[in-house]
Amino acid sequence: MQNVLKVAIGGMALTQTVEGRERYAVRVRYPRELRGNPDDIKGIYIPVEKGSPVPLSELATIRYEQGPQVIKSEDTFLVGYVLFDKLDGFAEVDVVENAQALFQQKIDSGELTVPKGISYKFTGTYENQLRAEKTLSVVVPLALAIIFLILYFQFKSVTTSLMVFTGITVAFAGGFIMLWLYGQDWFFNFSLFGENMRDLFNMKTINLSVAVWVGFIALFGIATDDGVVMATYLTQTFEREKPSDKKSIRTSALQAAEKRIRPCLMTTVTTILALLPVLTSTGKGSDIMIPMAIPIFGGMVIDITSYFIVPVLYSWREEFKLKRANK
């Protein structure tokens, strides 16, 4: 009976017609006047094994009822989907958690009754986000540990490695500052050559997501580059000159920093300039690329302070060593 109804109402492709380079399926089904409403459908004849065809009205009762458009199942259970999206400015996880709390409140108060044998759960992007957060809770600390080990293998010194590692903490703070600034209406809210800067750079509230954390992981690797350049030259300078008093230590640190600030600045500026096309992009994939680029951009801008932090920390350490040696 289902096959008959499928062919009578939906039609069946019996053959194809070729018109030039195009091919069109030839479908056969009841004319519209015989399938336009439930009363017409009652007259569809259903063939039986023995005897004459029987009208559908003698085999089934046809009526209007609210039901699913498509019958689907997962793991032998019938399922139905309710789709909704979040408003701008709200994080997906927060929206779903608020919806869950509201559902539970309605159930506890008796306003909403879940029929026996029916259950519900939130899936989709929210579920993927939770899985990604669990993965990132392992990946981010692991990435930081690997970076520190690489720094230690480079300098063979825990203190020097920690000095370079301070660039990551500074850049980490800069990334979050930039995320906060993107959500402030006053930030970059001016026009240049008739173009509003907030619109140009797609500035809006950015919530923490997988793309943002991937950007932070990339930032951790980039932020140590300048510190490595600075610390390497400081180490070479102190090994060569071997300063023996506080004044010579500070002079050596200052001279080494002055000679390496230009290449460090070039690295930072080129990275920032390379991110500008990403931050202003509006095409396909920009919703992923922009949140990924924001922490890198903010972190590299703030990471300029590491040009001064690393030499100062290095000088303090050498002065402390000198003080201990003179006691």
Protein backbone atom coordinates (compact mmCIF):
# COMPACT_ATOMS: atom_id res chain seq x y z
CA MET A 1 0.00 0.00 0.00
CA GLN A 2 2.84 2.40 0.80
CA ASN A 3 4.43 1.79 -2.59
CA VAL A 4 1.14 2.49 -4.33
CA LEU A 5 0.69 5.76 -2.43
CA LYS A 6 4.30 6.73 -3.10
CA VAL A 7 3.87 6.27 -6.84
CA ALA A 8 0.39 7.79 -6.99
CA ILE A 9 1.25 10.96 -5.05
CA GLY A 10 5.01 11.38 -5.35
CA GLY A 11 5.49 9.72 -8.71
CA MET A 12 8.06 7.29 -10.07
CA ALA A 13 10.73 7.87 -12.70
CA LEU A 14 10.13 5.32 -15.46
CA THR A 15 12.57 6.51 -18.11
CA GLN A 16 14.59 9.50 -19.30
CA THR A 17 14.20 11.88 -22.19
CA VAL A 18 17.25 13.29 -23.92
CA GLU A 19 17.02 16.86 -25.23
CA GLY A 20 20.35 17.93 -26.65
CA ARG A 21 22.91 17.55 -23.86
CA GLU A 22 20.28 17.53 -21.10
CA ARG A 23 18.56 14.48 -19.62
CA TYR A 24 15.22 14.69 -17.86
CA ALA A 25 13.46 12.00 -15.85
CA VAL A 26 9.93 11.06 -16.96
CA ARG A 27 7.79 10.64 -13.83
CA VAL A 28 4.37 9.05 -13.73
CA ARG A 29 1.78 9.85 -11.03
CA TYR A 30 -1.88 10.68 -10.56
CA PRO A 31 -3.06 14.01 -12.02
CA ARG A 32 -3.42 16.84 -9.51
CA GLU A 33 -7.23 16.67 -9.42
CA LEU A 34 -7.02 13.07 -8.15
CA ARG A 35 -4.48 13.73 -5.38
CA GLY A 36 -5.11 17.33 -4.30
CA ASN A 37 -6.88 16.65 -0.97
CA PRO A 38 -7.60 13.73 1.41
CA ASP A 39 -11.02 13.07 -0.14
CA ASP A 40 -9.39 12.52 -3.53
CA ILE A 41 -6.75 10.24 -2.03
CA LYS A 42 -9.49 8.00 -0.64
CA GLY A 43 -10.31 7.01 -4.21
CA ILE A 44 -6.85 5.59 -4.94
CA TYR A 45 -7.19 1.90 -5.75
CA ILE A 46 -4.90 -0.54 -4.00
CA PRO A 47 -4.25 -3.85 -5.81
CA VAL A 48 -4.76 -7.00 -3.75
CA GLU A 49 -3.47 -10.51 -4.26
CA LYS A 50 -6.86 -11.91 -5.27
CA GLY A 51 -9.80 -10.04 -6.67
CA SER A 52 -10.34 -6.50 -7.87
CA PRO A 53 -8.42 -3.46 -6.55
CA VAL A 54 -9.83 -1.96 -3.34
CA PRO A 55 -10.27 1.79 -2.68
CA LEU A 56 -7.93 3.22 -0.04
CA SER A 57 -10.95 4.38 2.00
CA GLU A 58 -11.82 0.74 2.76
CA LEU A 59 -8.32 -0.01 4.08
CA ALA A 60 -7.37 3.14 6.01
CA THR A 61 -8.80 6.22 7.70
CA ILE A 62 -7.39 9.46 6.34
CA ARG A 63 -7.33 12.55 8.59
CA TYR A 64 -5.20 15.60 9.31
CA GLU A 65 -2.80 15.18 12.25
CA GLN A 66 0.27 17.01 13.50
CA GLY A 67 3.37 14.84 13.17
CA PRO A 68 6.98 14.74 12.04
CA GLN A 69 7.76 15.61 8.45
CA VAL A 70 10.29 12.78 8.31
CA ILE A 71 10.52 9.64 10.43
CA LYS A 72 14.12 9.16 11.58
CA SER A 73 15.79 6.78 13.99
CA GLU A 74 19.13 6.49 15.78
CA ASP A 75 20.22 3.32 17.61
CA THR A 76 16.72 1.84 17.03
CA PHE A 77 15.05 4.84 18.75
CA LEU A 78 12.75 7.23 16.90
CA VAL A 79 14.14 10.75 17.00
CA GLY A 80 12.95 14.24 16.16
CA TYR A 81 15.02 17.42 15.88
CA VAL A 82 14.24 20.95 17.04
CA LEU A 83 16.67 23.45 15.52
CA PHE A 84 17.46 26.86 17.00
CA ASP A 85 20.31 29.35 16.83
CA LYS A 86 21.78 31.81 19.29
CA LEU A 87 21.46 35.57 19.18
CA ASP A 88 24.49 37.70 18.42
CA GLY A 89 26.59 38.42 21.47
CA PHE A 90 25.77 35.18 23.27
CA ALA A 91 28.01 32.14 23.58
CA GLU A 92 26.58 28.84 22.34
CA VAL A 93 27.41 26.96 25.53
CA ASP A 94 25.77 29.65 27.70
CA VAL A 95 22.62 29.64 25.56
CA VAL A 96 22.23 25.86 25.78
CA GLU A 97 22.93 25.79 29.52
CA ASN A 98 20.29 28.49 30.08
CA ALA A 99 17.82 26.52 27.94
CA GLN A 100 18.54 23.37 29.93
CA ALA A 101 17.98 25.23 33.20
CA LEU A 102 14.68 26.65 31.89
CA PHE A 103 13.48 23.22 30.74
CA GLN A 104 14.32 21.68 34.11
CA GLN A 105 12.59 24.53 35.93
CA LYS A 106 9.42 24.02 33.86
CA ILE A 107 9.51 20.26 34.50
CA ASP A 108 10.03 20.70 38.24
CA SER A 109 7.16 23.19 38.48
CA GLY A 110 4.82 20.95 36.48
CA GLU A 111 4.36 23.42 33.62
CA LEU A 112 6.03 20.98 31.23
CA THR A 113 5.36 17.26 31.25
CA VAL A 114 7.65 14.90 29.38
CA PRO A 115 5.58 11.88 28.25
CA LYS A 116 6.66 8.44 29.36
CA GLY A 117 9.18 6.86 27.01
CA ILE A 118 10.35 10.22 25.63
CA SER A 119 13.65 11.90 26.50
CA TYR A 120 15.48 14.94 25.21
CA LYS A 121 19.06 16.17 25.04
CA PHE A 122 20.96 19.05 23.45
CA THR A 123 23.39 18.08 20.70
CA GLY A 124 24.95 19.65 17.64
CA THR A 125 27.46 22.48 17.94
CA TYR A 126 27.03 22.59 21.72
CA GLU A 127 28.04 18.95 22.07
CA ASN A 128 31.00 19.46 19.74
CA GLN A 129 32.05 22.48 21.81
CA LEU A 130 32.07 20.45 25.03
CA ARG A 131 34.18 17.72 23.43
CA ALA A 132 36.58 20.33 22.04
CA GLU A 133 36.94 21.97 25.47
CA LYS A 134 37.90 18.64 27.02
CA THR A 135 40.50 18.14 24.30
CA LEU A 136 41.85 21.68 24.66
CA SER A 137 42.18 21.25 28.43
CA VAL A 138 44.88 18.71 27.60
CA VAL A 139 46.32 20.23 24.41
CA VAL A 140 46.95 23.76 25.76
CA PRO A 141 48.99 22.71 28.84
CA LEU A 142 50.80 20.14 26.70
CA ALA A 143 51.71 22.81 24.13
CA LEU A 144 53.04 25.08 26.88
CA ALA A 145 55.09 22.24 28.36
CA ILE A 146 56.58 21.36 24.97
CA ILE A 147 57.48 25.01 24.32
CA PHE A 148 59.22 25.24 27.69
CA LEU A 149 61.17 22.02 27.03
CA ILE A 150 62.32 23.34 23.65
CA LEU A 151 63.47 26.56 25.32
CA TYR A 152 65.34 24.57 27.95
CA PHE A 153 67.08 22.46 25.32
CA GLN A 154 68.11 25.70 23.59
CA PHE A 155 69.52 27.57 26.61
CA LYS A 156 70.30 24.70 29.05
CA SER A 157 69.08 27.04 31.80
CA VAL A 158 65.77 27.07 33.64
CA THR A 159 66.00 30.76 34.53
CA THR A 160 66.76 31.85 30.96
CA SER A 161 63.93 29.66 29.67
CA LEU A 162 61.56 31.25 32.19
CA MET A 163 62.63 34.72 31.05
CA VAL A 164 61.71 33.88 27.46
CA PHE A 165 58.55 32.17 28.70
CA THR A 166 57.38 35.47 30.18
CA GLY A 167 56.67 36.53 26.60
CA ILE A 168 53.90 33.92 26.49
CA THR A 169 52.23 35.26 29.64
CA VAL A 170 52.39 38.82 28.31
CA ALA A 171 51.05 37.76 24.90
CA PHE A 172 48.34 35.66 26.58
CA ALA A 173 47.12 38.75 28.42
CA GLY A 174 47.29 40.78 25.21
CA GLY A 175 45.10 38.26 23.40
CA PHE A 176 42.38 38.50 26.05
CA ILE A 177 42.62 42.29 26.10
CA MET A 178 42.03 42.37 22.34
CA LEU A 179 39.04 40.01 22.68
CA TRP A 180 37.59 42.38 25.30
CA LEU A 181 38.24 45.46 23.16
CA TYR A 182 36.45 43.87 20.20
CA GLY A 183 33.26 43.79 22.27
CA GLN A 184 33.46 47.46 23.33
CA ASP A 185 31.39 49.86 21.22
CA TRP A 186 33.84 52.74 21.66
CA PHE A 187 36.91 50.83 20.45
CA PHE A 188 37.91 51.90 16.89
CA ASN A 189 34.50 53.56 16.52
CA PHE A 190 35.54 56.19 13.98
CA SER A 191 35.52 56.58 10.22
CA LEU A 192 38.47 56.88 7.87
CA PHE A 193 37.93 57.76 4.20
CA GLY A 194 34.21 57.17 4.74
CA GLU A 195 34.72 53.65 6.14
CA ASN A 196 33.88 52.84 9.75
CA MET A 197 36.80 51.00 11.34
CA ARG A 198 34.60 48.70 13.43
CA ASP A 199 32.79 47.57 10.31
CA LEU A 200 36.04 47.23 8.38
CA PHE A 201 37.63 44.99 11.03
CA ASN A 202 34.38 43.06 11.73
CA MET A 203 34.42 44.13 15.38
CA LYS A 204 31.77 42.55 17.58
CA THR A 205 31.58 40.46 20.73
CA ILE A 206 33.80 37.39 20.33
CA ASN A 207 33.14 34.50 22.70
CA LEU A 208 35.69 31.85 23.59
CA SER A 209 35.55 29.04 21.06
CA VAL A 210 37.75 26.36 19.55
CA ALA A 211 38.98 28.83 16.91
CA VAL A 212 40.01 31.33 19.61
CA TRP A 213 41.97 28.71 21.55
CA VAL A 214 43.68 27.52 18.37
CA GLY A 215 44.73 31.14 17.86
CA PHE A 216 46.15 31.23 21.39
CA ILE A 217 48.14 28.03 20.77
CA ALA A 218 49.62 29.59 17.63
CA LEU A 219 50.34 32.76 19.62
CA PHE A 220 52.29 30.81 22.24
CA GLY A 221 54.73 29.64 19.58
CA ILE A 222 55.06 33.02 17.87
CA ALA A 223 55.44 35.00 21.10
CA THR A 224 58.62 33.18 22.10
CA ASP A 225 60.46 33.96 18.85
CA ASP A 226 61.54 37.46 19.85
CA GLY A 227 62.49 36.32 23.34
CA VAL A 228 64.68 33.56 21.91
CA VAL A 229 66.47 36.03 19.63
CA MET A 230 67.00 38.47 22.49
CA ALA A 231 68.07 35.88 25.08
CA THR A 232 70.43 34.12 22.66
CA TYR A 233 72.33 37.32 21.90
CA LEU A 234 72.36 38.32 25.59
CA THR A 235 73.90 34.96 26.46
CA GLN A 236 76.53 35.28 23.73
CA THR A 237 77.35 38.85 24.79
CA PHE A 238 77.80 37.98 28.46
CA GLU A 239 79.91 34.91 27.62
CA ARG A 240 82.14 37.05 25.41
CA GLU A 241 82.53 40.15 27.57
CA LYS A 242 82.25 38.55 31.04
CA PRO A 243 81.22 41.77 32.88
CA SER A 244 82.53 41.91 36.44
CA ASP A 245 80.54 44.75 38.02
CA LYS A 246 76.99 46.06 38.07
CA LYS A 247 77.65 48.90 35.64
CA SER A 248 79.27 46.66 33.02
CA ILE A 249 76.44 44.13 33.40
CA ARG A 250 73.84 46.79 32.66
CA THR A 251 75.92 48.20 29.80
CA SER A 252 76.28 44.75 28.20
CA ALA A 253 72.54 44.05 28.57
CA LEU A 254 71.67 47.43 27.05
CA GLN A 255 74.04 47.02 24.10
CA ALA A 256 72.81 43.49 23.36
CA ALA A 257 69.17 44.59 23.52
CA GLU A 258 69.83 47.55 21.20
CA LYS A 259 71.41 45.29 18.57
CA ARG A 260 68.53 42.81 18.59
CA ILE A 261 65.52 45.09 18.95
CA ARG A 262 65.39 45.79 15.19
CA PRO A 263 65.08 42.13 14.02
CA CYS A 264 62.59 41.47 16.83
CA LEU A 265 60.54 44.49 15.78
CA MET A 266 60.60 43.36 12.15
CA THR A 267 59.23 39.95 13.16
CA THR A 268 56.40 41.50 15.16
CA VAL A 269 55.47 44.10 12.53
CA THR A 270 55.39 41.57 9.67
CA THR A 271 53.20 39.24 11.75
CA ILE A 272 50.77 42.05 12.59
CA LEU A 273 50.61 43.26 8.98
CA ALA A 274 50.02 39.71 7.74
CA LEU A 275 46.98 39.43 10.03
CA LEU A 276 45.27 42.60 8.74
CA PRO A 277 43.79 40.93 5.60
CA VAL A 278 42.43 38.15 7.81
CA LEU A 279 40.84 40.57 10.28
CA THR A 280 39.15 42.51 7.46
CA SER A 281 37.99 39.45 5.50
CA THR A 282 34.27 38.90 4.91
CA GLY A 283 34.22 35.86 2.66
CA LYS A 284 33.62 32.20 3.29
CA GLY A 285 35.46 30.93 6.36
CA SER A 286 35.94 34.38 7.89
CA ASP A 287 33.79 33.37 10.89
CA ILE A 288 36.56 30.90 11.79
CA MET A 289 39.64 32.85 10.68
CA ILE A 290 38.80 36.13 12.46
CA PRO A 291 38.37 34.64 15.98
CA MET A 292 41.60 32.72 15.37
CA ALA A 293 43.51 35.86 14.33
CA ILE A 294 42.29 38.21 17.08
CA PRO A 295 44.32 36.69 19.96
CA ILE A 296 47.42 36.49 17.75
CA PHE A 297 47.03 40.15 16.75
CA GLY A 298 46.48 41.38 20.30
CA GLY A 299 49.19 39.18 21.73
CA MET A 300 51.82 40.33 19.23
CA VAL A 301 50.97 44.00 19.86
CA ILE A 302 51.43 43.60 23.62
CA ASP A 303 54.43 41.28 23.17
CA ILE A 304 56.50 44.32 22.18
CA THR A 305 57.04 44.80 25.93
CA SER A 306 59.11 41.58 25.96
CA TYR A 307 61.87 43.55 24.19
CA PHE A 308 62.39 45.31 27.51
CA ILE A 309 61.36 42.56 29.94
CA VAL A 310 63.89 39.93 28.82
CA PRO A 311 66.98 42.22 28.99
CA VAL A 312 65.89 43.60 32.38
CA LEU A 313 65.33 40.12 33.83
CA TYR A 314 68.63 38.92 32.37
CA SER A 315 70.46 41.88 33.90
CA TRP A 316 68.80 41.27 37.29
CA ARG A 317 69.90 37.65 37.25
CA GLU A 318 73.50 38.51 36.42
CA GLU A 319 73.54 41.21 39.12
CA PHE A 320 72.17 38.71 41.63
CA LYS A 321 74.89 36.20 40.66
CA LEU A 322 77.53 38.91 41.07
CA LYS A 323 76.15 39.90 44.47
CA ARG A 324 76.24 36.30 45.69
CA ALA A 325 79.78 35.82 44.36
CA ASN A 326 81.06 38.90 46.22
CA LYS A 327 79.68 37.78 49.57
